[in-house]
PDB file of N, CA and C in Angstrom:
ATOM      1  N   MET A   1      18.835   7.367  -3.540  1.00  0.00           N
ATOM      2  CA  MET A   1      18.619   8.408  -2.563  1.00  0.00           C
ATOM      3  C   MET A   1      17.711   9.503  -3.127  1.00  0.00           C
ATOM      4  N   LEU A   2      17.877   9.764  -4.401  1.00  0.00           N
ATOM      5  CA  LEU A   2      17.075  10.808  -5.036  1.00  0.00           C
ATOM      6  C   LEU A   2      15.604  10.416  -5.081  1.00  0.00           C
ATOM      7  N   ARG A   3      15.331   9.153  -5.405  1.00  0.00           N
ATOM      8  CA  ARG A   3      13.936   8.689  -5.474  1.00  0.00           C
ATOM      9  C   ARG A   3      13.272   8.770  -4.100  1.00  0.00           C
ATOM     10  N   LEU A   4      13.978   8.335  -3.066  1.00  0.00           N
ATOM     11  CA  LEU A   4      13.450   8.422  -1.699  1.00  0.00           C
ATOM     12  C   LEU A   4      13.209   9.881  -1.314  1.00  0.00           C
ATOM     13  N   GLY A   5      14.132  10.738  -1.692  1.00  0.00           N
ATOM     14  CA  GLY A   5      13.979  12.157  -1.394  1.00  0.00           C
ATOM     15  C   GLY A   5      12.767  12.767  -2.065  1.00  0.00           C
ATOM     16  N   LEU A   6      12.532  12.402  -3.311  1.00  0.00           N
ATOM     17  CA  LEU A   6      11.358  12.932  -4.011  1.00  0.00           C
ATOM     18  C   LEU A   6      10.062  12.435  -3.386  1.00  0.00           C
ATOM     19  N   ILE A   7      10.052  11.174  -2.971  1.00  0.00           N
ATOM     20  CA  ILE A   7       8.857  10.638  -2.310  1.00  0.00           C
ATOM     21  C   ILE A   7       8.611  11.367  -0.992  1.00  0.00           C
ATOM     22  N   LEU A   8       9.676  11.548  -0.204  1.00  0.00           N
ATOM     23  CA  LEU A   8       9.536  12.254   1.071  1.00  0.00           C
ATOM     24  C   LEU A   8       9.232  13.735   0.893  1.00  0.00           C
ATOM     25  N   LEU A   9       9.623  14.277  -0.205  1.00  0.00           N
ATOM     26  CA  LEU A   9       9.366  15.693  -0.462  1.00  0.00           C
ATOM     27  C   LEU A   9       7.910  15.934  -0.860  1.00  0.00           C
ATOM     28  N   ILE A  10       7.349  15.043  -1.658  1.00  0.00           N
ATOM     29  CA  ILE A  10       6.021  15.275  -2.227  1.00  0.00           C
ATOM     30  C   ILE A  10       4.903  14.622  -1.418  1.00  0.00           C
ATOM     31  N   LEU A  11       5.071  13.386  -0.993  1.00  0.00           N
ATOM     32  CA  LEU A  11       3.997  12.632  -0.364  1.00  0.00           C
ATOM     33  C   LEU A  11       3.461  13.261   0.928  1.00  0.00           C
ATOM     34  N   PRO A  12       4.284  13.731   1.853  1.00  0.00           N
ATOM     35  CA  PRO A  12       3.721  14.341   3.072  1.00  0.00           C
ATOM     36  C   PRO A  12       2.865  15.579   2.787  1.00  0.00           C
ATOM     37  N   GLY A  13       3.279  16.371   1.828  1.00  0.00           N
ATOM     38  CA  GLY A  13       2.471  17.542   1.467  1.00  0.00           C
ATOM     39  C   GLY A  13       1.127  17.154   0.883  1.00  0.00           C
ATOM     40  N   MET A  14       1.116  16.092   0.093  1.00  0.00           N
ATOM     41  CA  MET A  14      -0.142  15.614  -0.474  1.00  0.00           C
ATOM     42  C   MET A  14      -1.070  15.079   0.622  1.00  0.00           C
ATOM     43  N   VAL A  15      -0.503  14.371   1.588  1.00  0.00           N
ATOM     44  CA  VAL A  15      -1.305  13.857   2.705  1.00  0.00           C
ATOM     45  C   VAL A  15      -1.862  15.013   3.531  1.00  0.00           C
ATOM     46  N   LEU A  16      -1.035  16.009   3.790  1.00  0.00           N
ATOM     47  CA  LEU A  16      -1.476  17.176   4.557  1.00  0.00           C
ATOM     48  C   LEU A  16      -2.578  17.931   3.824  1.00  0.00           C
ATOM     49  N   MET A  17      -2.403  18.127   2.532  1.00  0.00           N
ATOM     50  CA  MET A  17      -3.436  18.814   1.755  1.00  0.00           C
ATOM     51  C   MET A  17      -4.723  18.007   1.708  1.00  0.00           C
ATOM     52  N   GLY A  18      -4.615  16.682   1.608  1.00  0.00           N
ATOM     53  CA  GLY A  18      -5.804  15.837   1.599  1.00  0.00           C
ATOM     54  C   GLY A  18      -6.592  15.943   2.891  1.00  0.00           C
ATOM     55  N   ALA A  19      -5.894  15.933   4.017  1.00  0.00           N
ATOM     56  CA  ALA A  19      -6.569  16.067   5.314  1.00  0.00           C
ATOM     57  C   ALA A  19      -7.213  17.440   5.448  1.00  0.00           C
ATOM     58  N   PHE A  20      -6.512  18.473   5.019  1.00  0.00           N
ATOM     59  CA  PHE A  20      -7.048  19.830   5.109  1.00  0.00           C
ATOM     60  C   PHE A  20      -8.277  20.002   4.223  1.00  0.00           C
ATOM     61  N   TRP A  21      -8.200  19.554   2.980  1.00  0.00           N
ATOM     62  CA  TRP A  21      -9.330  19.726   2.057  1.00  0.00           C
ATOM     63  C   TRP A  21     -10.518  18.859   2.441  1.00  0.00           C
ATOM     64  N   SER A  22     -10.271  17.701   3.037  1.00  0.00           N
ATOM     65  CA  SER A  22     -11.365  16.860   3.511  1.00  0.00           C
ATOM     66  C   SER A  22     -12.152  17.580   4.603  1.00  0.00           C
ATOM     67  N   GLU A  23     -11.427  18.164   5.537  1.00  0.00           N
ATOM     68  CA  GLU A  23     -12.102  18.905   6.595  1.00  0.00           C
ATOM     69  C   GLU A  23     -12.770  20.167   6.058  1.00  0.00           C
ATOM     70  N   LEU A  24     -12.132  20.807   5.106  1.00  0.00           N
ATOM     71  CA  LEU A  24     -12.704  22.023   4.538  1.00  0.00           C
ATOM     72  C   LEU A  24     -14.021  21.742   3.819  1.00  0.00           C
ATOM     73  N   SER A  25     -14.114  20.599   3.151  1.00  0.00           N
ATOM     74  CA  SER A  25     -15.375  20.282   2.477  1.00  0.00           C
ATOM     75  C   SER A  25     -16.487  20.044   3.502  1.00  0.00           C
ATOM     76  N   THR A  26     -16.160  19.450   4.647  1.00  0.00           N
ATOM     77  CA  THR A  26     -17.150  19.269   5.714  1.00  0.00           C
ATOM     78  C   THR A  26     -17.600  20.618   6.268  1.00  0.00           C
ATOM     79  N   VAL A  27     -16.664  21.529   6.450  1.00  0.00           N
ATOM     80  CA  VAL A  27     -16.991  22.869   6.945  1.00  0.00           C
ATOM     81  C   VAL A  27     -17.866  23.603   5.932  1.00  0.00           C
ATOM     82  N   ASN A  28     -17.548  23.501   4.657  1.00  0.00           N
ATOM     83  CA  ASN A  28     -18.349  24.173   3.628  1.00  0.00           C
ATOM     84  C   ASN A  28     -19.763  23.616   3.554  1.00  0.00           C
ATOM     85  N   GLU A  29     -19.934  22.310   3.731  1.00  0.00           N
ATOM     86  CA  GLU A  29     -21.278  21.722   3.767  1.00  0.00           C
ATOM     87  C   GLU A  29     -22.078  22.276   4.934  1.00  0.00           C
ATOM     88  N   CYS A  30     -21.428  22.429   6.076  1.00  0.00           N
ATOM     89  CA  CYS A  30     -22.097  22.979   7.245  1.00  0.00           C
ATOM     90  C   CYS A  30     -22.505  24.436   7.010  1.00  0.00           C
ATOM     91  N   LEU A  31     -21.614  25.219   6.443  1.00  0.00           N
ATOM     92  CA  LEU A  31     -21.927  26.624   6.177  1.00  0.00           C
ATOM     93  C   LEU A  31     -23.025  26.767   5.144  1.00  0.00           C
ATOM     94  N   ALA A  32     -23.047  25.885   4.150  1.00  0.00           N
ATOM     95  CA  ALA A  32     -24.096  25.931   3.125  1.00  0.00           C
ATOM     96  C   ALA A  32     -25.457  25.574   3.722  1.00  0.00           C
ATOM     97  N   ALA A  33     -25.474  24.767   4.769  1.00  0.00           N
ATOM     98  CA  ALA A  33     -26.724  24.398   5.428  1.00  0.00           C
ATOM     99  C   ALA A  33     -27.209  25.487   6.381  1.00  0.00           C
ATOM    100  N   GLY A  34     -26.413  26.537   6.557  1.00  0.00           N
ATOM    101  CA  GLY A  34     -26.821  27.651   7.412  1.00  0.00           C
ATOM    102  C   GLY A  34     -26.307  27.566   8.827  1.00  0.00           C
ATOM    103  N   GLY A  35     -25.400  26.675   9.094  1.00  0.00           N
ATOM    104  CA  GLY A  35     -24.860  26.519  10.438  1.00  0.00           C
ATOM    105  C   GLY A  35     -23.480  27.127  10.570  1.00  0.00           C
ATOM    106  N   ALA A  36     -22.891  26.885  11.705  1.00  0.00           N
ATOM    107  CA  ALA A  36     -21.518  27.301  11.980  1.00  0.00           C
ATOM    108  C   ALA A  36     -20.772  26.063  12.461  1.00  0.00           C
ATOM    109  N   TYR A  37     -19.571  25.867  11.969  1.00  0.00           N
ATOM    110  CA  TYR A  37     -18.826  24.648  12.283  1.00  0.00           C
ATOM    111  C   TYR A  37     -18.086  24.818  13.593  1.00  0.00           C
ATOM    112  N   ASP A  38     -18.283  23.860  14.506  1.00  0.00           N
ATOM    113  CA  ASP A  38     -17.582  23.842  15.781  1.00  0.00           C
ATOM    114  C   ASP A  38     -16.340  22.970  15.619  1.00  0.00           C
ATOM    115  N   TYR A  39     -15.175  23.597  15.590  1.00  0.00           N
ATOM    116  CA  TYR A  39     -13.928  22.883  15.323  1.00  0.00           C
ATOM    117  C   TYR A  39     -13.496  21.996  16.485  1.00  0.00           C
ATOM    118  N   THR A  40     -13.873  22.342  17.712  1.00  0.00           N
ATOM    119  CA  THR A  40     -13.478  21.504  18.849  1.00  0.00           C
ATOM    120  C   THR A  40     -14.308  20.222  18.905  1.00  0.00           C
ATOM    121  N   ALA A  41     -15.604  20.309  18.583  1.00  0.00           N
ATOM    122  CA  ALA A  41     -16.477  19.129  18.596  1.00  0.00           C
ATOM    123  C   ALA A  41     -16.507  18.426  17.239  1.00  0.00           C
ATOM    124  N   LYS A  42     -15.969  19.079  16.225  1.00  0.00           N
ATOM    125  CA  LYS A  42     -15.985  18.560  14.843  1.00  0.00           C
ATOM    126  C   LYS A  42     -17.402  18.230  14.393  1.00  0.00           C
ATOM    127  N   ALA A  43     -18.303  19.198  14.632  1.00  0.00           N
ATOM    128  CA  ALA A  43     -19.701  19.019  14.276  1.00  0.00           C
ATOM    129  C   ALA A  43     -20.294  20.358  13.851  1.00  0.00           C
ATOM    130  N   CYS A  44     -21.386  20.287  13.125  1.00  0.00           N
ATOM    131  CA  CYS A  44     -22.083  21.485  12.676  1.00  0.00           C
ATOM    132  C   CYS A  44     -22.981  21.992  13.800  1.00  0.00           C
ATOM    133  N   ASP A  45     -22.844  23.263  14.145  1.00  0.00           N
ATOM    134  CA  ASP A  45     -23.624  23.870  15.214  1.00  0.00           C
ATOM    135  C   ASP A  45     -24.633  24.814  14.581  1.00  0.00           C
ATOM    136  N   MET A  46     -25.916  24.542  14.788  1.00  0.00           N
ATOM    137  CA  MET A  46     -26.961  25.360  14.166  1.00  0.00           C
ATOM    138  C   MET A  46     -27.391  26.536  15.039  1.00  0.00           C
ATOM    139  N   GLN A  47     -27.071  26.551  16.326  1.00  0.00           N
ATOM    140  CA  GLN A  47     -27.518  27.632  17.209  1.00  0.00           C
ATOM    141  C   GLN A  47     -26.465  28.715  17.410  1.00  0.00           C
ATOM    142  N   GLY A  48     -25.296  28.348  17.842  1.00  0.00           N
ATOM    143  CA  GLY A  48     -24.284  29.325  18.224  1.00  0.00           C
ATOM    144  C   GLY A  48     -23.287  29.603  17.120  1.00  0.00           C
ATOM    145  N   THR A  49     -22.312  30.412  17.472  1.00  0.00           N
ATOM    146  CA  THR A  49     -21.205  30.700  16.562  1.00  0.00           C
ATOM    147  C   THR A  49     -19.899  30.416  17.300  1.00  0.00           C
ATOM    148  N   PRO A  50     -19.425  29.182  17.201  1.00  0.00           N
ATOM    149  CA  PRO A  50     -18.171  28.833  17.878  1.00  0.00           C
ATOM    150  C   PRO A  50     -16.976  29.539  17.249  1.00  0.00           C
ATOM    151  N   PRO A  51     -15.892  29.693  17.998  1.00  0.00           N
ATOM    152  CA  PRO A  51     -14.718  30.396  17.456  1.00  0.00           C
ATOM    153  C   PRO A  51     -13.995  29.571  16.399  1.00  0.00           C
ATOM    154  N   PHE A  52     -13.329  30.277  15.500  1.00  0.00           N
ATOM    155  CA  PHE A  52     -12.518  29.621  14.472  1.00  0.00           C
ATOM    156  C   PHE A  52     -11.173  29.247  15.084  1.00  0.00           C
ATOM    157  N   ILE A  53     -10.771  28.007  14.868  1.00  0.00           N
ATOM    158  CA  ILE A  53      -9.474  27.531  15.330  1.00  0.00           C
ATOM    159  C   ILE A  53      -8.744  26.983  14.111  1.00  0.00           C
ATOM    160  N   PRO A  54      -7.612  27.564  13.720  1.00  0.00           N
ATOM    161  CA  PRO A  54      -6.900  27.135  12.510  1.00  0.00           C
ATOM    162  C   PRO A  54      -6.475  25.667  12.561  1.00  0.00           C
ATOM    163  N   PHE A  55      -6.320  25.090  11.381  1.00  0.00           N
ATOM    164  CA  PHE A  55      -5.950  23.684  11.242  1.00  0.00           C
ATOM    165  C   PHE A  55      -4.620  23.385  11.920  1.00  0.00           C
ATOM    166  N   ALA A  56      -3.655  24.264  11.772  1.00  0.00           N
ATOM    167  CA  ALA A  56      -2.335  24.046  12.362  1.00  0.00           C
ATOM    168  C   ALA A  56      -2.356  24.130  13.884  1.00  0.00           C
ATOM    169  N   VAL A  57      -3.296  24.859  14.440  1.00  0.00           N
ATOM    170  CA  VAL A  57      -3.416  24.948  15.900  1.00  0.00           C
ATOM    171  C   VAL A  57      -4.086  23.693  16.444  1.00  0.00           C
ATOM    172  N   ARG A  58      -5.043  23.152  15.700  1.00  0.00           N
ATOM    173  CA  ARG A  58      -5.743  21.947  16.140  1.00  0.00           C
ATOM    174  C   ARG A  58      -4.924  20.678  15.929  1.00  0.00           C
ATOM    175  N   ASN A  59      -4.051  20.662  14.934  1.00  0.00           N
ATOM    176  CA  ASN A  59      -3.248  19.484  14.608  1.00  0.00           C
ATOM    177  C   ASN A  59      -1.766  19.837  14.502  1.00  0.00           C
ATOM    178  N   PRO A  60      -1.159  20.347  15.552  1.00  0.00           N
ATOM    179  CA  PRO A  60       0.230  20.810  15.417  1.00  0.00           C
ATOM    180  C   PRO A  60       1.230  19.682  15.157  1.00  0.00           C
ATOM    181  N   GLN A  61       1.027  18.537  15.787  1.00  0.00           N
ATOM    182  CA  GLN A  61       1.982  17.443  15.601  1.00  0.00           C
ATOM    183  C   GLN A  61       1.914  16.890  14.179  1.00  0.00           C
ATOM    184  N   PHE A  62       0.710  16.749  13.644  1.00  0.00           N
ATOM    185  CA  PHE A  62       0.539  16.260  12.276  1.00  0.00           C
ATOM    186  C   PHE A  62       1.180  17.213  11.270  1.00  0.00           C
ATOM    187  N   VAL A  63       0.919  18.499  11.423  1.00  0.00           N
ATOM    188  CA  VAL A  63       1.477  19.498  10.508  1.00  0.00           C
ATOM    189  C   VAL A  63       2.998  19.541  10.623  1.00  0.00           C
ATOM    190  N   ASN A  64       3.521  19.530  11.830  1.00  0.00           N
ATOM    191  CA  ASN A  64       4.966  19.604  12.024  1.00  0.00           C
ATOM    192  C   ASN A  64       5.680  18.362  11.493  1.00  0.00           C
ATOM    193  N   LEU A  65       5.092  17.185  11.702  1.00  0.00           N
ATOM    194  CA  LEU A  65       5.726  15.963  11.204  1.00  0.00           C
ATOM    195  C   LEU A  65       5.722  15.895   9.678  1.00  0.00           C
ATOM    196  N   THR A  66       4.637  16.343   9.051  1.00  0.00           N
ATOM    197  CA  THR A  66       4.622  16.325   7.586  1.00  0.00           C
ATOM    198  C   THR A  66       5.615  17.338   7.019  1.00  0.00           C
ATOM    199  N   MET A  67       5.734  18.484   7.649  1.00  0.00           N
ATOM    200  CA  MET A  67       6.710  19.459   7.182  1.00  0.00           C
ATOM    201  C   MET A  67       8.143  18.972   7.431  1.00  0.00           C
ATOM    202  N   LEU A  68       8.372  18.299   8.542  1.00  0.00           N
ATOM    203  CA  LEU A  68       9.686  17.738   8.830  1.00  0.00           C
ATOM    204  C   LEU A  68      10.046  16.659   7.812  1.00  0.00           C
ATOM    205  N   ALA A  69       9.072  15.828   7.445  1.00  0.00           N
ATOM    206  CA  ALA A  69       9.322  14.798   6.433  1.00  0.00           C
ATOM    207  C   ALA A  69       9.642  15.430   5.082  1.00  0.00           C
ATOM    208  N   SER A  70       8.961  16.519   4.751  1.00  0.00           N
ATOM    209  CA  SER A  70       9.252  17.211   3.491  1.00  0.00           C
ATOM    210  C   SER A  70      10.649  17.815   3.483  1.00  0.00           C
ATOM    211  N   VAL A  71      11.068  18.372   4.604  1.00  0.00           N
ATOM    212  CA  VAL A  71      12.415  18.927   4.701  1.00  0.00           C
ATOM    213  C   VAL A  71      13.451  17.808   4.600  1.00  0.00           C
ATOM    214  N   ALA A  72      13.169  16.669   5.242  1.00  0.00           N
ATOM    215  CA  ALA A  72      14.074  15.524   5.130  1.00  0.00           C
ATOM    216  C   ALA A  72      14.157  15.048   3.682  1.00  0.00           C
ATOM    217  N   GLY A  73      13.039  15.049   2.986  1.00  0.00           N
ATOM    218  CA  GLY A  73      13.037  14.686   1.571  1.00  0.00           C
ATOM    219  C   GLY A  73      13.833  15.657   0.733  1.00  0.00           C
ATOM    220  N   PHE A  74      13.735  16.933   1.054  1.00  0.00           N
ATOM    221  CA  PHE A  74      14.505  17.943   0.340  1.00  0.00           C
ATOM    222  C   PHE A  74      16.003  17.720   0.544  1.00  0.00           C
ATOM    223  N   CYS A  75      16.377  17.422   1.788  1.00  0.00           N
ATOM    224  CA  CYS A  75      17.795  17.159   2.078  1.00  0.00           C
ATOM    225  C   CYS A  75      18.281  15.901   1.363  1.00  0.00           C
ATOM    226  N   CYS A  76      17.438  14.872   1.311  1.00  0.00           N
ATOM    227  CA  CYS A  76      17.802  13.644   0.583  1.00  0.00           C
ATOM    228  C   CYS A  76      17.967  13.934  -0.913  1.00  0.00           C
ATOM    229  N   CYS A  77      17.112  14.785  -1.456  1.00  0.00           N
ATOM    230  CA  CYS A  77      17.238  15.156  -2.871  1.00  0.00           C
ATOM    231  C   CYS A  77      18.552  15.892  -3.123  1.00  0.00           C
ATOM    232  N   LEU A  78      18.870  16.830  -2.248  1.00  0.00           N
ATOM    233  CA  LEU A  78      20.128  17.558  -2.404  1.00  0.00           C
ATOM    234  C   LEU A  78      21.322  16.618  -2.305  1.00  0.00           C
ATOM    235  N   PHE A  79      21.281  15.719  -1.341  1.00  0.00           N
ATOM    236  CA  PHE A  79      22.367  14.762  -1.192  1.00  0.00           C
ATOM    237  C   PHE A  79      22.445  13.834  -2.383  1.00  0.00           C
ATOM    238  N   GLY A  80      21.300  13.389  -2.883  1.00  0.00           N
ATOM    239  CA  GLY A  80      21.266  12.509  -4.046  1.00  0.00           C
ATOM    240  C   GLY A  80      21.767  13.175  -5.306  1.00  0.00           C
ATOM    241  N   LEU A  81      21.516  14.467  -5.436  1.00  0.00           N
ATOM    242  CA  LEU A  81      22.026  15.209  -6.596  1.00  0.00           C
ATOM    243  C   LEU A  81      23.493  15.555  -6.446  1.00  0.00           C
ATOM    244  N   TYR A  82      23.952  15.730  -5.212  1.00  0.00           N
ATOM    245  CA  TYR A  82      25.331  16.120  -4.968  1.00  0.00           C
ATOM    246  C   TYR A  82      26.302  14.950  -5.149  1.00  0.00           C
ATOM    247  N   VAL A  83      25.917  13.791  -4.618  1.00  0.00           N
ATOM    248  CA  VAL A  83      26.760  12.609  -4.699  1.00  0.00           C
ATOM    249  C   VAL A  83      26.474  11.888  -6.009  1.00  0.00           C
ATOM    250  N   ARG A  84      27.491  11.688  -6.780  1.00  0.00           N
ATOM    251  CA  ARG A  84      27.309  11.009  -8.079  1.00  0.00           C
ATOM    252  C   ARG A  84      27.212   9.510  -7.864  1.00  0.00           C
ATOM    253  N   ARG A  85      26.514   8.866  -8.796  1.00  0.00           N
ATOM    254  CA  ARG A  85      26.445   7.406  -8.758  1.00  0.00           C
ATOM    255  C   ARG A  85      27.793   6.814  -9.077  1.00  0.00           C
ATOM    256  N   ARG A  86      28.111   5.714  -8.437  1.00  0.00           N
ATOM    257  CA  ARG A  86      29.407   5.083  -8.651  1.00  0.00           C
ATOM    258  C   ARG A  86      29.284   3.936  -9.603  1.00  0.00           C
TER     259      ARG A  86
END
């Protein structure tokens, strides 16, 4: 139970960070080229200045599910540490 809990505790956060940093690198490339990133179209806009939309607002289900999995992993870790092996 402890091993499963540790996997559920760490892996969803790593996946969430990977998705966030992947998108952030695309946004930084666009800004370095002199454009503005359009988050709704997921493309670099060279003419206008589209509004900023946070990652959690654009992907609420993904963020909530990864956080829920991490909480479930935390609970599994607590249960695994609380219950002794027989």
